[in-house]
N, C-alpha and C. Protein backbone atom coordinates (compact mmCIF):
# COMPACT_ATOMS: atom_id res chain seq x y z
N MET A 1 0.83 -1.21 0.00
CA MET A 1 0.00 0.00 0.00
C MET A 1 0.86 1.25 0.00
N ARG A 2 1.90 1.24 0.89
CA ARG A 2 2.82 2.37 0.93
C ARG A 2 3.55 2.53 -0.40
N LYS A 3 3.92 1.40 -0.97
CA LYS A 3 4.62 1.45 -2.25
C LYS A 3 3.73 2.07 -3.32
N PHE A 4 2.46 1.72 -3.32
CA PHE A 4 1.52 2.26 -4.29
C PHE A 4 1.35 3.77 -4.11
N ALA A 5 1.27 4.18 -2.82
CA ALA A 5 1.11 5.60 -2.51
C ALA A 5 2.33 6.39 -2.96
N SER A 6 3.50 5.81 -2.77
CA SER A 6 4.74 6.49 -3.18
C SER A 6 4.79 6.66 -4.69
N ILE A 7 4.38 5.62 -5.37
CA ILE A 7 4.37 5.67 -6.84
C ILE A 7 3.39 6.73 -7.31
N THR A 8 2.24 6.80 -6.64
CA THR A 8 1.21 7.77 -7.02
C THR A 8 1.72 9.20 -6.84
N VAL A 9 2.35 9.45 -5.68
CA VAL A 9 2.90 10.79 -5.43
C VAL A 9 3.97 11.14 -6.45
N ALA A 10 4.81 10.19 -6.77
CA ALA A 10 5.88 10.42 -7.75
C ALA A 10 5.31 10.76 -9.11
N LEU A 11 4.23 10.04 -9.46
CA LEU A 11 3.60 10.32 -10.75
C LEU A 11 2.98 11.71 -10.79
N ILE A 12 2.37 12.08 -9.65
CA ILE A 12 1.74 13.41 -9.58
C ILE A 12 2.80 14.50 -9.70
N VAL A 13 3.92 14.33 -8.99
CA VAL A 13 5.01 15.31 -9.04
C VAL A 13 5.58 15.40 -10.46
N ALA A 14 5.79 14.23 -11.06
CA ALA A 14 6.34 14.20 -12.41
C ALA A 14 5.40 14.88 -13.39
N ALA A 15 4.11 14.64 -13.21
CA ALA A 15 3.11 15.27 -14.09
C ALA A 15 3.14 16.77 -13.93
N GLY A 16 3.33 17.22 -12.67
CA GLY A 16 3.40 18.66 -12.42
C GLY A 16 4.59 19.27 -13.11
N VAL A 17 5.72 18.57 -13.07
CA VAL A 17 6.92 19.06 -13.75
C VAL A 17 6.71 19.10 -15.25
N MET A 18 6.09 18.04 -15.78
CA MET A 18 5.86 17.96 -17.22
C MET A 18 4.92 19.07 -17.69
N VAL A 19 3.96 19.43 -16.84
CA VAL A 19 3.01 20.47 -17.22
C VAL A 19 3.64 21.85 -17.09
N SER A 20 4.42 22.04 -16.01
CA SER A 20 4.96 23.37 -15.74
C SER A 20 6.11 23.73 -16.67
N THR A 21 6.88 22.76 -17.15
CA THR A 21 8.04 23.05 -17.99
C THR A 21 7.67 23.77 -19.28
N PRO A 22 6.67 23.28 -20.03
CA PRO A 22 6.29 24.02 -21.23
C PRO A 22 5.74 25.41 -20.91
N ALA A 23 5.05 25.55 -19.78
CA ALA A 23 4.51 26.85 -19.41
C ALA A 23 5.63 27.85 -19.18
N ASN A 24 6.69 27.43 -18.49
CA ASN A 24 7.84 28.31 -18.24
C ASN A 24 8.54 28.67 -19.55
N ALA A 25 8.67 27.64 -20.42
CA ALA A 25 9.34 27.88 -21.69
C ALA A 25 8.55 28.88 -22.53
N ALA A 26 7.23 28.80 -22.45
CA ALA A 26 6.38 29.67 -23.25
C ALA A 26 6.47 31.12 -22.80
N THR A 27 6.77 31.33 -21.53
CA THR A 27 6.82 32.69 -21.01
C THR A 27 8.25 33.24 -20.95
N LYS A 28 9.20 32.54 -21.49
CA LYS A 28 10.56 33.02 -21.49
C LYS A 28 10.64 34.31 -22.30
N ILE A 29 11.19 35.34 -21.72
CA ILE A 29 11.22 36.66 -22.36
C ILE A 29 12.35 36.75 -23.39
N SER A 30 11.98 37.20 -24.58
CA SER A 30 12.94 37.44 -25.66
C SER A 30 12.25 38.35 -26.67
N ASN A 31 12.96 38.77 -27.69
CA ASN A 31 12.36 39.63 -28.70
C ASN A 31 11.10 38.99 -29.29
N GLY A 32 10.00 39.76 -29.32
CA GLY A 32 8.78 39.29 -29.97
C GLY A 32 7.78 38.62 -29.06
N VAL A 33 8.18 38.33 -27.82
CA VAL A 33 7.24 37.69 -26.88
C VAL A 33 6.26 38.75 -26.39
N ALA A 34 4.97 38.40 -26.40
CA ALA A 34 3.94 39.35 -26.03
C ALA A 34 4.09 39.83 -24.58
N CYS A 35 3.76 41.12 -24.36
CA CYS A 35 3.76 41.69 -23.02
C CYS A 35 2.52 42.59 -22.90
N THR A 36 2.24 43.06 -21.72
CA THR A 36 0.99 43.81 -21.52
C THR A 36 1.17 45.24 -21.03
N LYS A 37 2.25 45.52 -20.32
CA LYS A 37 2.43 46.85 -19.73
C LYS A 37 3.47 47.65 -20.51
N LEU A 38 3.02 48.69 -21.21
CA LEU A 38 3.91 49.51 -22.03
C LEU A 38 5.02 50.12 -21.18
N ASN A 39 6.25 50.04 -21.70
CA ASN A 39 7.45 50.62 -21.09
C ASN A 39 7.95 49.89 -19.85
N SER A 40 7.31 48.78 -19.49
CA SER A 40 7.84 48.00 -18.37
C SER A 40 9.14 47.34 -18.83
N THR A 41 10.06 47.10 -17.92
CA THR A 41 11.36 46.54 -18.27
C THR A 41 11.66 45.32 -17.42
N THR A 42 12.55 44.51 -17.92
CA THR A 42 13.02 43.35 -17.18
C THR A 42 14.39 42.97 -17.71
N THR A 43 15.11 42.21 -16.93
CA THR A 43 16.45 41.77 -17.33
C THR A 43 16.50 40.26 -17.35
N VAL A 44 17.00 39.70 -18.43
CA VAL A 44 17.11 38.25 -18.58
C VAL A 44 18.54 37.92 -18.97
N SER A 45 19.21 37.17 -18.12
CA SER A 45 20.60 36.75 -18.39
C SER A 45 21.50 37.94 -18.74
N GLY A 46 21.29 39.05 -18.03
CA GLY A 46 22.13 40.22 -18.24
C GLY A 46 21.67 41.13 -19.36
N SER A 47 20.65 40.72 -20.12
CA SER A 47 20.14 41.54 -21.22
C SER A 47 18.84 42.21 -20.78
N LYS A 48 18.74 43.49 -21.03
CA LYS A 48 17.56 44.25 -20.61
C LYS A 48 16.54 44.29 -21.73
N TYR A 49 15.28 44.09 -21.37
CA TYR A 49 14.18 44.11 -22.33
C TYR A 49 13.14 45.14 -21.90
N LYS A 50 12.43 45.66 -22.91
CA LYS A 50 11.40 46.66 -22.63
C LYS A 50 10.12 46.29 -23.38
N CYS A 51 8.98 46.52 -22.75
CA CYS A 51 7.70 46.24 -23.37
C CYS A 51 7.34 47.43 -24.27
N ALA A 52 7.29 47.20 -25.57
CA ALA A 52 7.06 48.30 -26.51
C ALA A 52 6.51 47.78 -27.83
N VAL A 53 6.12 48.74 -28.69
CA VAL A 53 5.69 48.40 -30.04
C VAL A 53 6.93 48.37 -30.93
N ASN A 54 7.06 47.34 -31.71
CA ASN A 54 8.24 47.21 -32.59
C ASN A 54 8.14 48.24 -33.71
N PRO A 55 9.05 49.22 -33.76
CA PRO A 55 8.98 50.27 -34.80
C PRO A 55 9.35 49.77 -36.19
N LEU A 56 9.84 48.54 -36.27
CA LEU A 56 10.23 48.00 -37.57
C LEU A 56 9.06 47.32 -38.27
N THR A 57 7.92 47.18 -37.57
CA THR A 57 6.75 46.53 -38.15
C THR A 57 5.55 47.48 -38.10
N THR A 58 4.50 47.08 -38.77
CA THR A 58 3.27 47.87 -38.76
C THR A 58 2.34 47.45 -37.63
N SER A 59 2.71 46.38 -36.95
CA SER A 59 1.87 45.88 -35.85
C SER A 59 1.92 46.82 -34.65
N LYS A 60 0.79 46.98 -33.99
CA LYS A 60 0.70 47.81 -32.79
C LYS A 60 0.73 46.95 -31.52
N LYS A 61 1.03 45.70 -31.70
CA LYS A 61 1.05 44.77 -30.57
C LYS A 61 2.26 45.04 -29.68
N LEU A 62 2.03 44.96 -28.36
CA LEU A 62 3.13 45.13 -27.41
C LEU A 62 3.92 43.84 -27.30
N THR A 63 5.22 43.95 -27.42
CA THR A 63 6.09 42.78 -27.27
C THR A 63 7.35 43.18 -26.52
N TRP A 64 8.02 42.18 -25.97
CA TRP A 64 9.30 42.44 -25.34
C TRP A 64 10.35 42.66 -26.42
N LEU A 65 11.14 43.70 -26.27
CA LEU A 65 12.21 44.01 -27.22
C LEU A 65 13.47 44.36 -26.44
N SER A 66 14.59 43.82 -26.87
CA SER A 66 15.84 44.13 -26.18
C SER A 66 16.18 45.61 -26.38
N ILE A 67 16.93 46.16 -25.44
CA ILE A 67 17.34 47.56 -25.54
C ILE A 67 18.20 47.76 -26.79
N ASP A 68 19.03 46.77 -27.12
CA ASP A 68 19.84 46.85 -28.35
C ASP A 68 18.94 46.94 -29.58
N CYS A 69 17.86 46.17 -29.55
CA CYS A 69 16.89 46.19 -30.64
C CYS A 69 16.27 47.57 -30.77
N LEU A 70 15.82 48.12 -29.66
CA LEU A 70 15.18 49.44 -29.67
C LEU A 70 16.15 50.54 -30.12
N ASN A 71 17.39 50.44 -29.68
CA ASN A 71 18.39 51.44 -30.07
C ASN A 71 18.68 51.37 -31.57
N SER A 72 18.82 50.16 -32.08
CA SER A 72 19.10 50.00 -33.51
C SER A 72 17.89 50.42 -34.35
N ALA A 73 16.69 50.14 -33.85
CA ALA A 73 15.48 50.56 -34.56
C ALA A 73 15.36 52.09 -34.56
N ALA A 74 15.74 52.71 -33.45
CA ALA A 74 15.72 54.18 -33.36
C ALA A 74 16.73 54.77 -34.33
N ALA A 75 17.88 54.12 -34.46
CA ALA A 75 18.91 54.59 -35.40
C ALA A 75 18.40 54.51 -36.84
N TYR A 76 17.66 53.44 -37.13
CA TYR A 76 17.08 53.29 -38.47
C TYR A 76 16.04 54.38 -38.73
N THR A 77 15.17 54.62 -37.75
CA THR A 77 14.13 55.65 -37.91
C THR A 77 14.76 57.03 -38.14
N LYS A 78 15.81 57.32 -37.38
CA LYS A 78 16.50 58.61 -37.53
C LYS A 78 17.17 58.71 -38.90
N ALA A 79 17.82 57.63 -39.32
CA ALA A 79 18.50 57.62 -40.62
C ALA A 79 17.49 57.81 -41.75
N GLN A 80 16.32 57.20 -41.60
CA GLN A 80 15.29 57.32 -42.63
C GLN A 80 14.79 58.77 -42.75
N LYS A 81 14.54 59.42 -41.61
CA LYS A 81 14.08 60.81 -41.62
C LYS A 81 15.16 61.73 -42.17
N THR A 82 16.40 61.49 -41.74
CA THR A 82 17.51 62.32 -42.22
C THR A 82 17.69 62.17 -43.73
N SER A 83 17.53 60.94 -44.22
CA SER A 83 17.67 60.68 -45.65
C SER A 83 16.62 61.44 -46.45
N VAL A 84 15.39 61.46 -45.96
CA VAL A 84 14.30 62.17 -46.66
C VAL A 84 14.61 63.66 -46.74
N THR A 85 15.05 64.23 -45.60
CA THR A 85 15.37 65.66 -45.56
C THR A 85 16.52 66.01 -46.49
N LEU A 86 17.59 65.20 -46.42
CA LEU A 86 18.76 65.47 -47.26
C LEU A 86 18.44 65.31 -48.74
N THR A 87 17.64 64.31 -49.08
CA THR A 87 17.26 64.08 -50.47
C THR A 87 16.47 65.27 -51.01
N GLU A 88 15.57 65.80 -50.20
CA GLU A 88 14.80 66.98 -50.61
C GLU A 88 15.71 68.19 -50.79
N ASN A 89 16.65 68.37 -49.87
CA ASN A 89 17.59 69.50 -49.96
C ASN A 89 18.47 69.39 -51.20
N LEU A 90 18.93 68.17 -51.49
CA LEU A 90 19.78 67.96 -52.65
C LEU A 90 19.02 68.23 -53.94
N ALA A 91 17.78 67.80 -53.99
CA ALA A 91 16.95 68.04 -55.17
C ALA A 91 16.75 69.54 -55.40
N ALA A 92 16.60 70.28 -54.30
CA ALA A 92 16.41 71.72 -54.41
C ALA A 92 17.70 72.43 -54.84
N GLN A 93 18.85 71.83 -54.54
CA GLN A 93 20.13 72.45 -54.87
C GLN A 93 20.47 72.34 -56.36
N ILE A 94 20.00 71.29 -57.00
CA ILE A 94 20.39 71.03 -58.39
C ILE A 94 20.06 72.19 -59.33
N PRO A 95 18.85 72.76 -59.30
CA PRO A 95 18.57 73.91 -60.18
C PRO A 95 19.47 75.11 -59.88
N VAL A 96 19.78 75.30 -58.61
CA VAL A 96 20.66 76.42 -58.21
C VAL A 96 22.05 76.19 -58.77
N ILE A 97 22.53 74.97 -58.66
CA ILE A 97 23.86 74.63 -59.19
C ILE A 97 23.88 74.80 -60.71
N ASP A 98 22.82 74.34 -61.38
CA ASP A 98 22.74 74.49 -62.83
C ASP A 98 22.80 75.96 -63.25
N ALA A 99 22.08 76.80 -62.50
CA ALA A 99 22.10 78.24 -62.80
C ALA A 99 23.49 78.81 -62.60
N GLY A 100 24.19 78.34 -61.57
CA GLY A 100 25.56 78.78 -61.33
C GLY A 100 26.50 78.37 -62.44
N ILE A 101 26.32 77.16 -62.96
CA ILE A 101 27.17 76.69 -64.05
C ILE A 101 26.94 77.52 -65.31
N VAL A 102 25.65 77.82 -65.60
CA VAL A 102 25.33 78.65 -66.77
C VAL A 102 25.97 80.03 -66.65
N SER A 103 25.86 80.62 -65.45
CA SER A 103 26.42 81.94 -65.21
C SER A 103 27.93 81.95 -65.36
N GLU A 104 28.58 80.95 -64.78
CA GLU A 104 30.04 80.87 -64.85
C GLU A 104 30.52 80.63 -66.28
N ASN A 105 29.79 79.82 -67.03
CA ASN A 105 30.17 79.58 -68.42
C ASN A 105 30.05 80.85 -69.26
N ALA A 106 29.00 81.62 -68.98
CA ALA A 106 28.83 82.89 -69.70
C ALA A 106 29.97 83.85 -69.35
N HIS A 107 30.33 83.88 -68.08
CA HIS A 107 31.45 84.71 -67.64
C HIS A 107 32.75 84.24 -68.26
N LYS A 108 32.89 82.94 -68.38
CA LYS A 108 34.11 82.38 -68.98
C LYS A 108 34.25 82.81 -70.43
N VAL A 109 33.15 82.80 -71.16
CA VAL A 109 33.18 83.24 -72.56
C VAL A 109 33.61 84.70 -72.65
N GLU A 110 33.06 85.51 -71.75
CA GLU A 110 33.39 86.94 -71.72
C GLU A 110 34.88 87.17 -71.46
N ILE A 111 35.40 86.47 -70.45
CA ILE A 111 36.81 86.65 -70.10
C ILE A 111 37.72 86.05 -71.16
N GLN A 112 37.30 84.94 -71.77
CA GLN A 112 38.11 84.33 -72.83
C GLN A 112 38.25 85.28 -74.01
N THR A 113 37.18 86.01 -74.29
CA THR A 113 37.22 87.01 -75.35
C THR A 113 38.25 88.10 -75.03
N LYS A 114 38.26 88.51 -73.76
CA LYS A 114 39.23 89.53 -73.34
C LYS A 114 40.66 88.99 -73.42
N VAL A 115 40.83 87.72 -73.06
CA VAL A 115 42.16 87.10 -73.15
C VAL A 115 42.62 87.09 -74.61
N ASP A 116 41.73 86.68 -75.50
CA ASP A 116 42.09 86.61 -76.92
C ASP A 116 42.43 87.99 -77.47
N THR A 117 41.60 88.98 -77.13
CA THR A 117 41.83 90.34 -77.61
C THR A 117 43.15 90.91 -77.08
N THR A 118 43.37 90.67 -75.78
CA THR A 118 44.60 91.17 -75.15
C THR A 118 45.83 90.50 -75.74
N THR A 119 45.71 89.22 -76.03
CA THR A 119 46.83 88.49 -76.63
C THR A 119 47.21 89.08 -77.99
N VAL A 120 46.19 89.40 -78.77
CA VAL A 120 46.44 89.98 -80.10
C VAL A 120 47.09 91.36 -79.95
N ARG A 121 46.56 92.17 -79.03
CA ARG A 121 47.12 93.52 -78.86
C ARG A 121 48.54 93.48 -78.28
N LEU A 122 48.79 92.52 -77.41
CA LEU A 122 50.14 92.36 -76.88
C LEU A 122 51.11 92.00 -78.00
N ALA A 123 50.68 91.08 -78.85
CA ALA A 123 51.55 90.69 -79.96
C ALA A 123 51.82 91.88 -80.88
N GLY A 124 50.80 92.71 -81.10
CA GLY A 124 50.98 93.89 -81.94
C GLY A 124 51.94 94.88 -81.32
N ALA A 125 51.80 95.09 -80.01
CA ALA A 125 52.69 96.03 -79.30
C ALA A 125 54.12 95.50 -79.31
N GLN A 126 54.28 94.20 -79.15
CA GLN A 126 55.62 93.61 -79.15
C GLN A 126 56.27 93.74 -80.54
N ALA A 127 55.46 93.59 -81.58
CA ALA A 127 55.99 93.73 -82.95
C ALA A 127 56.42 95.17 -83.21
N LYS A 128 55.61 96.11 -82.76
CA LYS A 128 55.96 97.53 -82.94
C LYS A 128 57.21 97.88 -82.14
N LEU A 129 57.31 97.30 -80.93
CA LEU A 129 58.48 97.57 -80.09
C LEU A 129 59.75 97.06 -80.78
N ALA A 130 59.62 95.88 -81.38
CA ALA A 130 60.78 95.30 -82.07
C ALA A 130 61.20 96.14 -83.28
N ALA A 131 60.23 96.82 -83.86
CA ALA A 131 60.54 97.63 -85.05
C ALA A 131 60.84 99.09 -84.72
N ALA A 132 60.68 99.48 -83.46
CA ALA A 132 60.88 100.89 -83.07
C ALA A 132 62.33 101.30 -83.28
N LYS A 133 62.49 102.56 -83.68
CA LYS A 133 63.82 103.07 -83.97
C LYS A 133 64.29 104.09 -82.93
N THR A 134 63.36 104.91 -82.49
CA THR A 134 63.75 105.98 -81.56
C THR A 134 63.57 105.52 -80.11
N ALA A 135 64.29 106.18 -79.26
CA ALA A 135 64.23 105.85 -77.84
C ALA A 135 62.86 106.14 -77.25
N SER A 136 62.26 107.26 -77.72
CA SER A 136 60.93 107.60 -77.19
C SER A 136 59.89 106.57 -77.59
N ASP A 137 59.98 106.09 -78.85
CA ASP A 137 59.05 105.05 -79.31
C ASP A 137 59.24 103.75 -78.52
N LYS A 138 60.49 103.43 -78.30
CA LYS A 138 60.79 102.21 -77.55
C LYS A 138 60.26 102.30 -76.12
N THR A 139 60.42 103.50 -75.54
CA THR A 139 59.94 103.68 -74.18
C THR A 139 58.41 103.57 -74.11
N ALA A 140 57.73 104.23 -75.04
CA ALA A 140 56.26 104.20 -75.06
C ALA A 140 55.73 102.80 -75.36
N LEU A 141 56.34 102.16 -76.33
CA LEU A 141 55.89 100.81 -76.70
C LEU A 141 56.25 99.78 -75.63
N GLY A 142 57.35 100.01 -74.95
CA GLY A 142 57.73 99.13 -73.85
C GLY A 142 56.69 99.19 -72.74
N SER A 143 56.23 100.42 -72.46
CA SER A 143 55.18 100.59 -71.44
C SER A 143 53.89 99.91 -71.88
N ALA A 144 53.59 100.02 -73.17
CA ALA A 144 52.38 99.40 -73.70
C ALA A 144 52.45 97.87 -73.58
N VAL A 145 53.62 97.33 -73.91
CA VAL A 145 53.81 95.87 -73.81
C VAL A 145 53.61 95.40 -72.38
N ARG A 146 54.21 96.13 -71.45
CA ARG A 146 54.07 95.73 -70.04
C ARG A 146 52.62 95.84 -69.57
N ALA A 147 51.92 96.84 -70.03
CA ALA A 147 50.52 97.01 -69.66
C ALA A 147 49.67 95.86 -70.19
N TRP A 148 49.90 95.49 -71.47
CA TRP A 148 49.15 94.37 -72.05
C TRP A 148 49.52 93.05 -71.38
N GLN A 149 50.78 92.89 -71.01
CA GLN A 149 51.20 91.68 -70.31
C GLN A 149 50.51 91.57 -68.94
N SER A 150 50.43 92.68 -68.25
CA SER A 150 49.77 92.73 -66.94
C SER A 150 48.28 92.39 -67.08
N ALA A 151 47.66 92.98 -68.12
CA ALA A 151 46.24 92.71 -68.35
C ALA A 151 46.01 91.24 -68.70
N LEU A 152 46.93 90.68 -69.49
CA LEU A 152 46.80 89.28 -69.89
C LEU A 152 46.92 88.36 -68.67
N ARG A 153 47.86 88.66 -67.79
CA ARG A 153 48.00 87.85 -66.56
C ARG A 153 46.72 87.92 -65.71
N LEU A 154 46.16 89.12 -65.62
CA LEU A 154 44.94 89.32 -64.83
C LEU A 154 43.78 88.52 -65.41
N TYR A 155 43.58 88.62 -66.72
CA TYR A 155 42.48 87.92 -67.36
C TYR A 155 42.68 86.40 -67.31
N THR A 156 43.92 85.97 -67.48
CA THR A 156 44.22 84.54 -67.44
C THR A 156 43.94 83.97 -66.05
N SER A 157 44.35 84.73 -65.02
CA SER A 157 44.10 84.31 -63.65
C SER A 157 42.60 84.20 -63.37
N GLU A 158 41.85 85.19 -63.87
CA GLU A 158 40.40 85.17 -63.67
C GLU A 158 39.77 84.00 -64.42
N LEU A 159 40.28 83.73 -65.60
CA LEU A 159 39.76 82.61 -66.39
C LEU A 159 40.01 81.28 -65.68
N ASN A 160 41.18 81.14 -65.06
CA ASN A 160 41.50 79.92 -64.32
C ASN A 160 40.57 79.74 -63.11
N LYS A 161 40.26 80.86 -62.45
CA LYS A 161 39.35 80.80 -61.30
C LYS A 161 37.95 80.38 -61.73
N ILE A 162 37.51 80.92 -62.86
CA ILE A 162 36.18 80.56 -63.36
C ILE A 162 36.13 79.09 -63.72
N THR A 163 37.19 78.60 -64.38
CA THR A 163 37.26 77.18 -64.76
C THR A 163 37.20 76.30 -63.51
N LEU A 164 37.91 76.72 -62.47
CA LEU A 164 37.89 75.96 -61.21
C LEU A 164 36.50 75.98 -60.58
N ASN A 165 35.85 77.13 -60.61
CA ASN A 165 34.50 77.24 -60.06
C ASN A 165 33.52 76.32 -60.79
N ILE A 166 33.65 76.27 -62.11
CA ILE A 166 32.77 75.39 -62.90
C ILE A 166 32.99 73.94 -62.52
N ARG A 167 34.25 73.55 -62.33
CA ARG A 167 34.55 72.16 -61.94
C ARG A 167 33.95 71.84 -60.58
N LYS A 168 34.04 72.80 -59.66
CA LYS A 168 33.46 72.59 -58.33
C LYS A 168 31.94 72.45 -58.40
N LEU A 169 31.32 73.30 -59.21
CA LEU A 169 29.87 73.25 -59.37
C LEU A 169 29.44 71.93 -60.01
N GLU A 170 30.19 71.49 -60.99
CA GLU A 170 29.86 70.21 -61.66
C GLU A 170 30.03 69.04 -60.69
N ALA A 171 31.06 69.11 -59.84
CA ALA A 171 31.26 68.06 -58.84
C ALA A 171 30.13 68.08 -57.82
N ALA A 172 29.70 69.29 -57.44
CA ALA A 172 28.59 69.41 -56.49
C ALA A 172 27.30 68.85 -57.07
N LYS A 173 27.07 69.10 -58.36
CA LYS A 173 25.87 68.57 -59.01
C LYS A 173 25.92 67.05 -59.07
N LEU A 174 27.09 66.51 -59.41
CA LEU A 174 27.23 65.06 -59.48
C LEU A 174 26.93 64.42 -58.12
N ALA A 175 27.43 65.05 -57.06
CA ALA A 175 27.18 64.54 -55.71
C ALA A 175 25.70 64.64 -55.37
N ALA A 176 25.08 65.76 -55.75
CA ALA A 176 23.66 65.95 -55.46
C ALA A 176 22.80 64.94 -56.20
N VAL A 177 23.23 64.55 -57.38
CA VAL A 177 22.49 63.57 -58.18
C VAL A 177 22.68 62.15 -57.63
N ASN A 178 23.92 61.84 -57.23
CA ASN A 178 24.24 60.47 -56.83
C ASN A 178 23.99 60.17 -55.35
N GLN A 179 24.07 61.20 -54.51
CA GLN A 179 23.98 60.96 -53.07
C GLN A 179 22.66 60.34 -52.60
N PRO A 180 21.51 60.70 -53.18
CA PRO A 180 20.27 60.07 -52.73
C PRO A 180 20.29 58.55 -52.81
N ALA A 181 20.90 58.01 -53.87
CA ALA A 181 20.99 56.56 -54.00
C ALA A 181 21.84 55.97 -52.88
N GLN A 182 22.93 56.66 -52.54
CA GLN A 182 23.79 56.20 -51.45
C GLN A 182 23.07 56.29 -50.11
N LEU A 183 22.31 57.37 -49.93
CA LEU A 183 21.54 57.52 -48.69
C LEU A 183 20.52 56.39 -48.56
N LYS A 184 19.87 56.06 -49.67
CA LYS A 184 18.88 54.99 -49.67
C LYS A 184 19.53 53.65 -49.30
N ALA A 185 20.71 53.41 -49.85
CA ALA A 185 21.43 52.16 -49.54
C ALA A 185 21.83 52.12 -48.07
N ASP A 186 22.28 53.26 -47.54
CA ASP A 186 22.67 53.33 -46.13
C ASP A 186 21.48 53.05 -45.21
N VAL A 187 20.33 53.62 -45.57
CA VAL A 187 19.12 53.40 -44.77
C VAL A 187 18.73 51.92 -44.80
N ALA A 188 18.83 51.31 -45.99
CA ALA A 188 18.50 49.89 -46.12
C ALA A 188 19.42 49.03 -45.27
N ASN A 189 20.71 49.38 -45.23
CA ASN A 189 21.66 48.63 -44.40
C ASN A 189 21.34 48.80 -42.91
N THR A 190 20.98 50.04 -42.53
CA THR A 190 20.64 50.29 -41.14
C THR A 190 19.41 49.50 -40.74
N LYS A 191 18.44 49.43 -41.63
CA LYS A 191 17.22 48.66 -41.35
C LYS A 191 17.53 47.17 -41.24
N ALA A 192 18.38 46.68 -42.14
CA ALA A 192 18.73 45.26 -42.12
C ALA A 192 19.45 44.89 -40.81
N ASN A 193 20.34 45.77 -40.36
CA ASN A 193 21.04 45.53 -39.10
C ASN A 193 20.07 45.52 -37.93
N ALA A 194 19.12 46.47 -37.96
CA ALA A 194 18.14 46.54 -36.88
C ALA A 194 17.26 45.30 -36.88
N ALA A 195 16.85 44.86 -38.07
CA ALA A 195 16.01 43.67 -38.18
C ALA A 195 16.74 42.44 -37.64
N LEU A 196 18.03 42.38 -37.90
CA LEU A 196 18.83 41.24 -37.39
C LEU A 196 18.90 41.25 -35.88
N ILE A 197 19.15 42.42 -35.30
CA ILE A 197 19.25 42.53 -33.84
C ILE A 197 17.89 42.29 -33.18
N CYS A 198 16.82 42.63 -33.90
CA CYS A 198 15.47 42.48 -33.35
C CYS A 198 14.84 41.13 -33.70
N THR A 199 15.64 40.20 -34.19
CA THR A 199 15.12 38.89 -34.58
C THR A 199 14.31 38.26 -33.43
N LYS A 200 13.15 37.74 -33.78
CA LYS A 200 12.27 37.14 -32.76
C LYS A 200 12.96 35.97 -32.08
N GLY A 201 12.87 35.97 -30.76
CA GLY A 201 13.48 34.92 -29.97
C GLY A 201 14.91 35.21 -29.56
N PHE A 202 15.44 36.34 -30.04
CA PHE A 202 16.85 36.68 -29.75
C PHE A 202 16.94 37.44 -28.43
């Protein structure tokens, strides 16, 4: 009789263990496990979890999410908003840059004309100087040559600056055109990293 009672108690205890084990496993806290109190926190094996809505999904269901998950999701949300703002700003800059390029090209044509004209006049003054016979002519023509040389240096320097400005504007336009694609790729990578960290059961 005692033996039977012992066996019965053992079976009851074993059954209790068998029933309780799955229940404990089902309530183990990890990413994606349902919770009820918003912003409540808990720590499991040194990892902190918070009851919140997963910002990476459209679901409004409260679940436990690791702090690392929430931080990475916040980084993704911020990157996404920043990308939208920057893309809009870049799009607005392109017409301004185009107008700058048109203006600089027009200025370049104007200065190039002055360079060409000055070059011709310098050559003429130099030819006259070479053919001058009197000291007074040589002195006057020498002054003219130096004046045209000075003007040519000035116009050439300005032309080089304009050319540099055009290159900078063209580089800025190229960046404005290409950067949105890079921003989009960066946001996608940030989202992928967040999704990995927020993997259910992690």
